């Protein structure tokens, strides 16, 4: 007997999604849900730990130069204030 090579989860999901919704069985719906959950970014085996450091992110880009050319630093950000409610008019 010849064995078929294992189908990748992504390929299996694509084949299940190609079936029109009205023609899908309950087992196919369950398999679609299971595959979507297992392939979600947070559930992948290579996913980083929550709160962990993302490689390559967070640092200055373009050879260490800041982008945007803004004049403000963190302590000089624009402050937003709530607009005072008009006491004479009902809401």
PDB file of N, CA and C in Angstrom:
ATOM      1  N   UNK A   1       0.841  -1.185   0.000  1.00  0.00           N
ATOM      2  CA  UNK A   1       0.000   0.000   0.000  1.00  0.00           C
ATOM      3  C   UNK A   1       0.883   1.244   0.000  1.00  0.00           C
ATOM      4  N   UNK A   2       0.469   2.222  -0.729  1.00  0.00           N
ATOM      5  CA  UNK A   2       1.254   3.454  -0.785  1.00  0.00           C
ATOM      6  C   UNK A   2       0.673   4.462   0.210  1.00  0.00           C
ATOM      7  N   UNK A   3       1.574   5.033   0.976  1.00  0.00           N
ATOM      8  CA  UNK A   3       1.149   6.038   1.949  1.00  0.00           C
ATOM      9  C   UNK A   3       1.276   7.416   1.336  1.00  0.00           C
ATOM     10  N   UNK A   4       0.286   8.270   1.605  1.00  0.00           N
ATOM     11  CA  UNK A   4       0.346   9.632   1.105  1.00  0.00           C
ATOM     12  C   UNK A   4       1.220  10.458   2.039  1.00  0.00           C
ATOM     13  N   UNK A   5       2.004  11.391   1.465  1.00  0.00           N
ATOM     14  CA  UNK A   5       2.805  12.244   2.349  1.00  0.00           C
ATOM     15  C   UNK A   5       1.884  13.120   3.200  1.00  0.00           C
ATOM     16  N   UNK A   6       2.318  13.441   4.431  1.00  0.00           N
ATOM     17  CA  UNK A   6       1.456  14.250   5.289  1.00  0.00           C
ATOM     18  C   UNK A   6       1.222  15.632   4.676  1.00  0.00           C
ATOM     19  N   UNK A   7      -0.016  16.099   4.778  1.00  0.00           N
ATOM     20  CA  UNK A   7      -0.392  17.397   4.236  1.00  0.00           C
ATOM     21  C   UNK A   7      -0.127  18.451   5.310  1.00  0.00           C
ATOM     22  N   UNK A   8       0.468  19.564   4.901  1.00  0.00           N
ATOM     23  CA  UNK A   8       0.750  20.621   5.871  1.00  0.00           C
ATOM     24  C   UNK A   8      -0.562  21.205   6.390  1.00  0.00           C
ATOM     25  N   UNK A   9      -0.576  21.688   7.625  1.00  0.00           N
ATOM     26  CA  UNK A   9      -1.817  22.251   8.176  1.00  0.00           C
ATOM     27  C   UNK A   9      -2.351  23.415   7.346  1.00  0.00           C
ATOM     28  N   UNK A  10      -1.452  24.239   6.803  1.00  0.00           N
ATOM     29  CA  UNK A  10      -1.898  25.363   5.967  1.00  0.00           C
ATOM     30  C   UNK A  10      -2.580  24.876   4.695  1.00  0.00           C
ATOM     31  N   UNK A  11      -2.001  23.868   4.065  1.00  0.00           N
ATOM     32  CA  UNK A  11      -2.595  23.327   2.840  1.00  0.00           C
ATOM     33  C   UNK A  11      -3.941  22.682   3.145  1.00  0.00           C
ATOM     34  N   UNK A  12      -4.027  21.979   4.268  1.00  0.00           N
ATOM     35  CA  UNK A  12      -5.300  21.346   4.649  1.00  0.00           C
ATOM     36  C   UNK A  12      -6.360  22.407   4.916  1.00  0.00           C
ATOM     37  N   UNK A  13      -5.983  23.484   5.587  1.00  0.00           N
ATOM     38  CA  UNK A  13      -6.926  24.565   5.861  1.00  0.00           C
ATOM     39  C   UNK A  13      -7.407  25.191   4.559  1.00  0.00           C
ATOM     40  N   UNK A  14      -6.505  25.407   3.621  1.00  0.00           N
ATOM     41  CA  UNK A  14      -6.894  25.987   2.333  1.00  0.00           C
ATOM     42  C   UNK A  14      -7.858  25.066   1.588  1.00  0.00           C
ATOM     43  N   UNK A  15      -7.599  23.773   1.635  1.00  0.00           N
ATOM     44  CA  UNK A  15      -8.499  22.849   0.945  1.00  0.00           C
ATOM     45  C   UNK A  15      -9.878  22.820   1.614  1.00  0.00           C
ATOM     46  N   UNK A  16      -9.904  22.915   2.937  1.00  0.00           N
ATOM     47  CA  UNK A  16     -11.201  22.944   3.633  1.00  0.00           C
ATOM     48  C   UNK A  16     -11.951  24.242   3.357  1.00  0.00           C
ATOM     49  N   UNK A  17     -11.211  25.348   3.268  1.00  0.00           N
ATOM     50  CA  UNK A  17     -11.856  26.631   3.010  1.00  0.00           C
ATOM     51  C   UNK A  17     -12.345  26.751   1.573  1.00  0.00           C
ATOM     52  N   UNK A  18     -11.829  25.913   0.687  1.00  0.00           N
ATOM     53  CA  UNK A  18     -12.294  25.949  -0.703  1.00  0.00           C
ATOM     54  C   UNK A  18     -13.664  25.293  -0.859  1.00  0.00           C
ATOM     55  N   UNK A  19     -14.089  24.524   0.127  1.00  0.00           N
ATOM     56  CA  UNK A  19     -15.414  23.901   0.112  1.00  0.00           C
ATOM     57  C   UNK A  19     -16.441  24.978   0.454  1.00  0.00           C
ATOM     58  N   UNK A  20     -17.501  25.122  -0.352  1.00  0.00           N
ATOM     59  CA  UNK A  20     -18.536  26.120  -0.026  1.00  0.00           C
ATOM     60  C   UNK A  20     -19.124  25.865   1.359  1.00  0.00           C
ATOM     61  N   UNK A  21     -19.439  26.953   2.067  1.00  0.00           N
ATOM     62  CA  UNK A  21     -19.910  26.839   3.456  1.00  0.00           C
ATOM     63  C   UNK A  21     -21.129  25.939   3.585  1.00  0.00           C
ATOM     64  N   UNK A  22     -22.040  26.014   2.662  1.00  0.00           N
ATOM     65  CA  UNK A  22     -23.265  25.205   2.749  1.00  0.00           C
ATOM     66  C   UNK A  22     -22.999  23.719   2.627  1.00  0.00           C
ATOM     67  N   UNK A  23     -21.875  23.365   1.998  1.00  0.00           N
ATOM     68  CA  UNK A  23     -21.588  21.950   1.760  1.00  0.00           C
ATOM     69  C   UNK A  23     -20.646  21.354   2.798  1.00  0.00           C
ATOM     70  N   UNK A  24     -20.172  22.137   3.739  1.00  0.00           N
ATOM     71  CA  UNK A  24     -19.246  21.629   4.759  1.00  0.00           C
ATOM     72  C   UNK A  24     -19.995  20.820   5.808  1.00  0.00           C
ATOM     73  N   UNK A  25     -19.378  19.720   6.231  1.00  0.00           N
ATOM     74  CA  UNK A  25     -19.952  18.910   7.304  1.00  0.00           C
ATOM     75  C   UNK A  25     -19.519  19.487   8.648  1.00  0.00           C
ATOM     76  N   UNK A  26     -20.142  19.011   9.710  1.00  0.00           N
ATOM     77  CA  UNK A  26     -19.762  19.463  11.053  1.00  0.00           C
ATOM     78  C   UNK A  26     -18.305  19.090  11.357  1.00  0.00           C
ATOM     79  N   UNK A  27     -17.880  17.937  10.911  1.00  0.00           N
ATOM     80  CA  UNK A  27     -16.492  17.516  11.141  1.00  0.00           C
ATOM     81  C   UNK A  27     -15.521  18.455  10.418  1.00  0.00           C
ATOM     82  N   UNK A  28     -15.887  18.878   9.206  1.00  0.00           N
ATOM     83  CA  UNK A  28     -15.029  19.810   8.466  1.00  0.00           C
ATOM     84  C   UNK A  28     -14.979  21.169   9.160  1.00  0.00           C
ATOM     85  N   UNK A  29     -16.120  21.640   9.664  1.00  0.00           N
ATOM     86  CA  UNK A  29     -16.136  22.909  10.415  1.00  0.00           C
ATOM     87  C   UNK A  29     -15.243  22.805  11.650  1.00  0.00           C
ATOM     88  N   UNK A  30     -15.354  21.679  12.359  1.00  0.00           N
ATOM     89  CA  UNK A  30     -14.523  21.487  13.554  1.00  0.00           C
ATOM     90  C   UNK A  30     -13.036  21.475  13.201  1.00  0.00           C
ATOM     91  N   UNK A  31     -12.693  20.822  12.088  1.00  0.00           N
ATOM     92  CA  UNK A  31     -11.289  20.774  11.679  1.00  0.00           C
ATOM     93  C   UNK A  31     -10.800  22.165  11.274  1.00  0.00           C
ATOM     94  N   UNK A  32     -11.647  22.951  10.592  1.00  0.00           N
ATOM     95  CA  UNK A  32     -11.279  24.323  10.226  1.00  0.00           C
ATOM     96  C   UNK A  32     -11.004  25.136  11.481  1.00  0.00           C
ATOM     97  N   UNK A  33     -11.888  25.051  12.454  1.00  0.00           N
ATOM     98  CA  UNK A  33     -11.682  25.803  13.705  1.00  0.00           C
ATOM     99  C   UNK A  33     -10.399  25.379  14.412  1.00  0.00           C
ATOM    100  N   UNK A  34     -10.147  24.094  14.469  1.00  0.00           N
ATOM    101  CA  UNK A  34      -8.949  23.590  15.137  1.00  0.00           C
ATOM    102  C   UNK A  34      -7.685  24.058  14.412  1.00  0.00           C
ATOM    103  N   UNK A  35      -7.691  24.003  13.073  1.00  0.00           N
ATOM    104  CA  UNK A  35      -6.526  24.444  12.309  1.00  0.00           C
ATOM    105  C   UNK A  35      -6.297  25.946  12.453  1.00  0.00           C
ATOM    106  N   UNK A  36      -7.383  26.740  12.439  1.00  0.00           N
ATOM    107  CA  UNK A  36      -7.229  28.187  12.589  1.00  0.00           C
ATOM    108  C   UNK A  36      -6.651  28.541  13.954  1.00  0.00           C
ATOM    109  N   UNK A  37      -7.072  27.831  14.982  1.00  0.00           N
ATOM    110  CA  UNK A  37      -6.543  28.085  16.322  1.00  0.00           C
ATOM    111  C   UNK A  37      -5.074  27.692  16.393  1.00  0.00           C
ATOM    112  N   UNK A  38      -4.732  26.528  15.845  1.00  0.00           N
ATOM    113  CA  UNK A  38      -3.342  26.073  15.931  1.00  0.00           C
ATOM    114  C   UNK A  38      -2.400  26.930  15.085  1.00  0.00           C
ATOM    115  N   UNK A  39      -2.910  27.552  14.021  1.00  0.00           N
ATOM    116  CA  UNK A  39      -2.071  28.375  13.152  1.00  0.00           C
ATOM    117  C   UNK A  39      -2.069  29.843  13.545  1.00  0.00           C
ATOM    118  N   UNK A  40      -2.813  30.216  14.574  1.00  0.00           N
ATOM    119  CA  UNK A  40      -2.837  31.609  15.019  1.00  0.00           C
ATOM    120  C   UNK A  40      -1.446  32.020  15.490  1.00  0.00           C
ATOM    121  N   UNK A  41      -1.068  33.303  15.292  1.00  0.00           N
ATOM    122  CA  UNK A  41       0.290  33.739  15.638  1.00  0.00           C
ATOM    123  C   UNK A  41       0.697  33.448  17.080  1.00  0.00           C
ATOM    124  N   UNK A  42      -0.188  33.581  18.026  1.00  0.00           N
ATOM    125  CA  UNK A  42       0.152  33.358  19.424  1.00  0.00           C
ATOM    126  C   UNK A  42       0.293  31.895  19.797  1.00  0.00           C
ATOM    127  N   UNK A  43      -0.187  30.997  18.943  1.00  0.00           N
ATOM    128  CA  UNK A  43      -0.161  29.572  19.259  1.00  0.00           C
ATOM    129  C   UNK A  43       0.886  28.805  18.483  1.00  0.00           C
ATOM    130  N   UNK A  44       1.684  29.480  17.681  1.00  0.00           N
ATOM    131  CA  UNK A  44       2.708  28.792  16.910  1.00  0.00           C
ATOM    132  C   UNK A  44       3.846  28.371  17.821  1.00  0.00           C
ATOM    133  N   UNK A  45       4.536  27.304  17.442  1.00  0.00           N
ATOM    134  CA  UNK A  45       5.647  26.800  18.250  1.00  0.00           C
ATOM    135  C   UNK A  45       6.782  27.800  18.312  1.00  0.00           C
ATOM    136  N   UNK A  46       6.991  28.568  17.236  1.00  0.00           N
ATOM    137  CA  UNK A  46       8.093  29.517  17.204  1.00  0.00           C
ATOM    138  C   UNK A  46       7.694  30.894  17.725  1.00  0.00           C
ATOM    139  N   UNK A  47       6.508  31.006  18.306  1.00  0.00           N
ATOM    140  CA  UNK A  47       6.037  32.300  18.797  1.00  0.00           C
ATOM    141  C   UNK A  47       6.853  32.727  20.019  1.00  0.00           C
ATOM    142  N   UNK A  48       7.176  34.031  20.122  1.00  0.00           N
ATOM    143  CA  UNK A  48       7.920  34.508  21.285  1.00  0.00           C
ATOM    144  C   UNK A  48       7.052  34.460  22.541  1.00  0.00           C
ATOM    145  N   UNK A  49       7.706  34.400  23.664  1.00  0.00           N
ATOM    146  CA  UNK A  49       6.996  34.397  24.937  1.00  0.00           C
ATOM    147  C   UNK A  49       6.295  35.737  25.140  1.00  0.00           C
ATOM    148  N   UNK A  50       5.122  35.757  25.790  1.00  0.00           N
ATOM    149  CA  UNK A  50       4.445  37.027  26.048  1.00  0.00           C
ATOM    150  C   UNK A  50       5.334  37.960  26.853  1.00  0.00           C
ATOM    151  N   UNK A  51       5.419  39.204  26.417  1.00  0.00           N
ATOM    152  CA  UNK A  51       6.233  40.190  27.110  1.00  0.00           C
ATOM    153  C   UNK A  51       7.705  40.071  26.788  1.00  0.00           C
ATOM    154  N   UNK A  52       8.050  39.164  25.889  1.00  0.00           N
ATOM    155  CA  UNK A  52       9.446  38.964  25.531  1.00  0.00           C
ATOM    156  C   UNK A  52       9.914  40.009  24.528  1.00  0.00           C
ATOM    157  N   UNK A  53      11.205  39.991  24.262  1.00  0.00           N
ATOM    158  CA  UNK A  53      11.804  40.948  23.335  1.00  0.00           C
ATOM    159  C   UNK A  53      11.610  40.454  21.906  1.00  0.00           C
ATOM    160  N   UNK A  54      11.154  41.334  21.019  1.00  0.00           N
ATOM    161  CA  UNK A  54      11.026  40.998  19.616  1.00  0.00           C
ATOM    162  C   UNK A  54      12.344  41.291  18.930  1.00  0.00           C
ATOM    163  N   UNK A  55      12.901  40.326  18.226  1.00  0.00           N
ATOM    164  CA  UNK A  55      14.175  40.571  17.568  1.00  0.00           C
ATOM    165  C   UNK A  55      14.033  41.617  16.474  1.00  0.00           C
ATOM    166  N   UNK A  56      14.982  42.552  16.449  1.00  0.00           N
ATOM    167  CA  UNK A  56      15.009  43.556  15.405  1.00  0.00           C
ATOM    168  C   UNK A  56      14.048  44.704  15.606  1.00  0.00           C
ATOM    169  N   UNK A  57      13.319  44.740  16.669  1.00  0.00           N
ATOM    170  CA  UNK A  57      12.333  45.797  16.851  1.00  0.00           C
ATOM    171  C   UNK A  57      12.708  46.757  17.947  1.00  0.00           C
ATOM    172  N   UNK A  58      12.186  47.944  17.877  1.00  0.00           N
ATOM    173  CA  UNK A  58      12.338  48.900  18.956  1.00  0.00           C
ATOM    174  C   UNK A  58      13.511  49.846  18.842  1.00  0.00           C
ATOM    175  N   UNK A  59      14.496  49.531  18.043  1.00  0.00           N
ATOM    176  CA  UNK A  59      15.670  50.378  17.959  1.00  0.00           C
ATOM    177  C   UNK A  59      15.571  51.391  16.836  1.00  0.00           C
ATOM    178  N   UNK A  60      16.475  52.368  16.822  1.00  0.00           N
ATOM    179  CA  UNK A  60      16.477  53.344  15.732  1.00  0.00           C
ATOM    180  C   UNK A  60      16.775  52.666  14.398  1.00  0.00           C
ATOM    181  N   UNK A  61      16.203  53.219  13.342  1.00  0.00           N
ATOM    182  CA  UNK A  61      16.393  52.640  12.008  1.00  0.00           C
ATOM    183  C   UNK A  61      17.272  53.545  11.167  1.00  0.00           C
ATOM    184  N   UNK A  62      17.580  53.101   9.996  1.00  0.00           N
ATOM    185  CA  UNK A  62      18.372  53.854   9.021  1.00  0.00           C
ATOM    186  C   UNK A  62      19.729  54.256   9.578  1.00  0.00           C
ATOM    187  N   UNK A  63      20.462  53.307  10.051  1.00  0.00           N
ATOM    188  CA  UNK A  63      21.815  53.595  10.513  1.00  0.00           C
ATOM    189  C   UNK A  63      21.866  54.399  11.790  1.00  0.00           C
ATOM    190  N   UNK A  64      20.881  54.284  12.635  1.00  0.00           N
ATOM    191  CA  UNK A  64      20.908  54.967  13.921  1.00  0.00           C
ATOM    192  C   UNK A  64      20.323  56.370  13.897  1.00  0.00           C
ATOM    193  N   UNK A  65      19.811  56.813  12.750  1.00  0.00           N
ATOM    194  CA  UNK A  65      19.218  58.145  12.690  1.00  0.00           C
ATOM    195  C   UNK A  65      17.745  58.071  13.052  1.00  0.00           C
ATOM    196  N   UNK A  66      17.258  59.086  13.737  1.00  0.00           N
ATOM    197  CA  UNK A  66      15.840  59.146  14.086  1.00  0.00           C
ATOM    198  C   UNK A  66      15.039  59.522  12.853  1.00  0.00           C
ATOM    199  N   UNK A  67      13.832  58.962  12.770  1.00  0.00           N
ATOM    200  CA  UNK A  67      12.952  59.301  11.659  1.00  0.00           C
ATOM    201  C   UNK A  67      11.991  60.394  12.070  1.00  0.00           C
ATOM    202  N   UNK A  68      11.529  61.155  11.116  1.00  0.00           N
ATOM    203  CA  UNK A  68      10.494  62.146  11.375  1.00  0.00           C
ATOM    204  C   UNK A  68      11.038  63.527  11.672  1.00  0.00           C
ATOM    205  N   UNK A  69      12.197  63.651  12.239  1.00  0.00           N
ATOM    206  CA  UNK A  69      12.782  64.956  12.503  1.00  0.00           C
ATOM    207  C   UNK A  69      12.010  65.775  13.516  1.00  0.00           C
ATOM    208  N   UNK A  70      11.284  65.141  14.434  1.00  0.00           N
ATOM    209  CA  UNK A  70      10.505  65.877  15.423  1.00  0.00           C
ATOM    210  C   UNK A  70      11.385  66.575  16.434  1.00  0.00           C
ATOM    211  N   UNK A  71      10.878  67.685  16.985  1.00  0.00           N
ATOM    212  CA  UNK A  71      11.643  68.456  17.951  1.00  0.00           C
ATOM    213  C   UNK A  71      11.326  68.077  19.389  1.00  0.00           C
ATOM    214  N   UNK A  72      10.234  67.349  19.594  1.00  0.00           N
ATOM    215  CA  UNK A  72       9.827  67.001  20.961  1.00  0.00           C
ATOM    216  C   UNK A  72      10.495  65.722  21.407  1.00  0.00           C
ATOM    217  N   UNK A  73      10.778  65.634  22.670  1.00  0.00           N
ATOM    218  CA  UNK A  73      11.203  64.363  23.229  1.00  0.00           C
ATOM    219  C   UNK A  73      10.045  63.812  24.050  1.00  0.00           C
ATOM    220  N   UNK A  74      10.266  62.744  24.775  1.00  0.00           N
ATOM    221  CA  UNK A  74       9.168  62.105  25.504  1.00  0.00           C
ATOM    222  C   UNK A  74       8.496  63.037  26.502  1.00  0.00           C
ATOM    223  N   UNK A  75       9.260  63.889  27.151  1.00  0.00           N
ATOM    224  CA  UNK A  75       8.690  64.750  28.190  1.00  0.00           C
ATOM    225  C   UNK A  75       8.026  65.996  27.631  1.00  0.00           C
ATOM    226  N   UNK A  76       8.164  66.254  26.341  1.00  0.00           N
ATOM    227  CA  UNK A  76       7.597  67.455  25.751  1.00  0.00           C
ATOM    228  C   UNK A  76       6.440  67.135  24.807  1.00  0.00           C
ATOM    229  N   UNK A  77       5.760  66.029  25.014  1.00  0.00           N
ATOM    230  CA  UNK A  77       4.646  65.684  24.153  1.00  0.00           C
ATOM    231  C   UNK A  77       3.483  66.635  24.382  1.00  0.00           C
ATOM    232  N   UNK A  78       2.662  66.820  23.347  1.00  0.00           N
ATOM    233  CA  UNK A  78       1.513  67.705  23.440  1.00  0.00           C
ATOM    234  C   UNK A  78       0.499  67.129  24.427  1.00  0.00           C
ATOM    235  N   UNK A  79      -0.003  67.972  25.295  1.00  0.00           N
ATOM    236  CA  UNK A  79      -0.978  67.539  26.293  1.00  0.00           C
ATOM    237  C   UNK A  79      -2.376  67.806  25.754  1.00  0.00           C
ATOM    238  N   UNK A  80      -3.263  66.851  25.971  1.00  0.00           N
ATOM    239  CA  UNK A  80      -4.635  67.002  25.540  1.00  0.00           C
ATOM    240  C   UNK A  80      -5.517  67.166  26.773  1.00  0.00           C
ATOM    241  N   UNK A  81      -6.433  68.097  26.697  1.00  0.00           N
ATOM    242  CA  UNK A  81      -7.343  68.359  27.801  1.00  0.00           C
ATOM    243  C   UNK A  81      -8.771  68.126  27.332  1.00  0.00           C
ATOM    244  N   UNK A  82      -9.596  67.693  28.250  1.00  0.00           N
ATOM    245  CA  UNK A  82     -10.995  67.511  27.927  1.00  0.00           C
ATOM    246  C   UNK A  82     -11.660  68.863  27.733  1.00  0.00           C
ATOM    247  N   UNK A  83     -12.556  68.893  26.781  1.00  0.00           N
ATOM    248  CA  UNK A  83     -13.309  70.114  26.529  1.00  0.00           C
ATOM    249  C   UNK A  83     -14.328  70.281  27.653  1.00  0.00           C
ATOM    250  N   UNK A  84     -14.406  71.475  28.278  1.00  0.00           N
ATOM    251  CA  UNK A  84     -15.362  71.656  29.367  1.00  0.00           C
ATOM    252  C   UNK A  84     -16.802  71.521  28.857  1.00  0.00           C
ATOM    253  N   UNK A  85     -17.628  70.882  29.647  1.00  0.00           N
ATOM    254  CA  UNK A  85     -19.034  70.698  29.291  1.00  0.00           C
ATOM    255  C   UNK A  85     -19.772  72.011  29.453  1.00  0.00           C
ATOM    256  N   UNK A  86     -20.706  72.226  28.573  1.00  0.00           N
ATOM    257  CA  UNK A  86     -21.521  73.421  28.621  1.00  0.00           C
ATOM    258  C   UNK A  86     -22.648  73.167  29.644  1.00  0.00           C
ATOM    259  N   UNK A  87     -22.637  73.893  30.754  1.00  0.00           N
ATOM    260  CA  UNK A  87     -23.586  73.633  31.845  1.00  0.00           C
ATOM    261  C   UNK A  87     -24.986  74.148  31.522  1.00  0.00           C
ATOM    262  N   UNK A  88     -25.127  75.042  30.568  1.00  0.00           N
ATOM    263  CA  UNK A  88     -26.434  75.624  30.263  1.00  0.00           C
ATOM    264  C   UNK A  88     -27.306  74.738  29.393  1.00  0.00           C
ATOM    265  N   UNK A  89     -26.718  73.799  28.657  1.00  0.00           N
ATOM    266  CA  UNK A  89     -27.487  72.958  27.751  1.00  0.00           C
ATOM    267  C   UNK A  89     -27.630  71.550  28.322  1.00  0.00           C
ATOM    268  N   UNK A  90     -28.808  70.948  28.207  1.00  0.00           N
ATOM    269  CA  UNK A  90     -28.956  69.552  28.646  1.00  0.00           C
ATOM    270  C   UNK A  90     -28.246  68.629  27.643  1.00  0.00           C
ATOM    271  N   UNK A  91     -27.796  67.464  28.097  1.00  0.00           N
ATOM    272  CA  UNK A  91     -27.058  66.531  27.212  1.00  0.00           C
ATOM    273  C   UNK A  91     -27.908  65.957  26.124  1.00  0.00           C
TER     274      UNK A  91
END
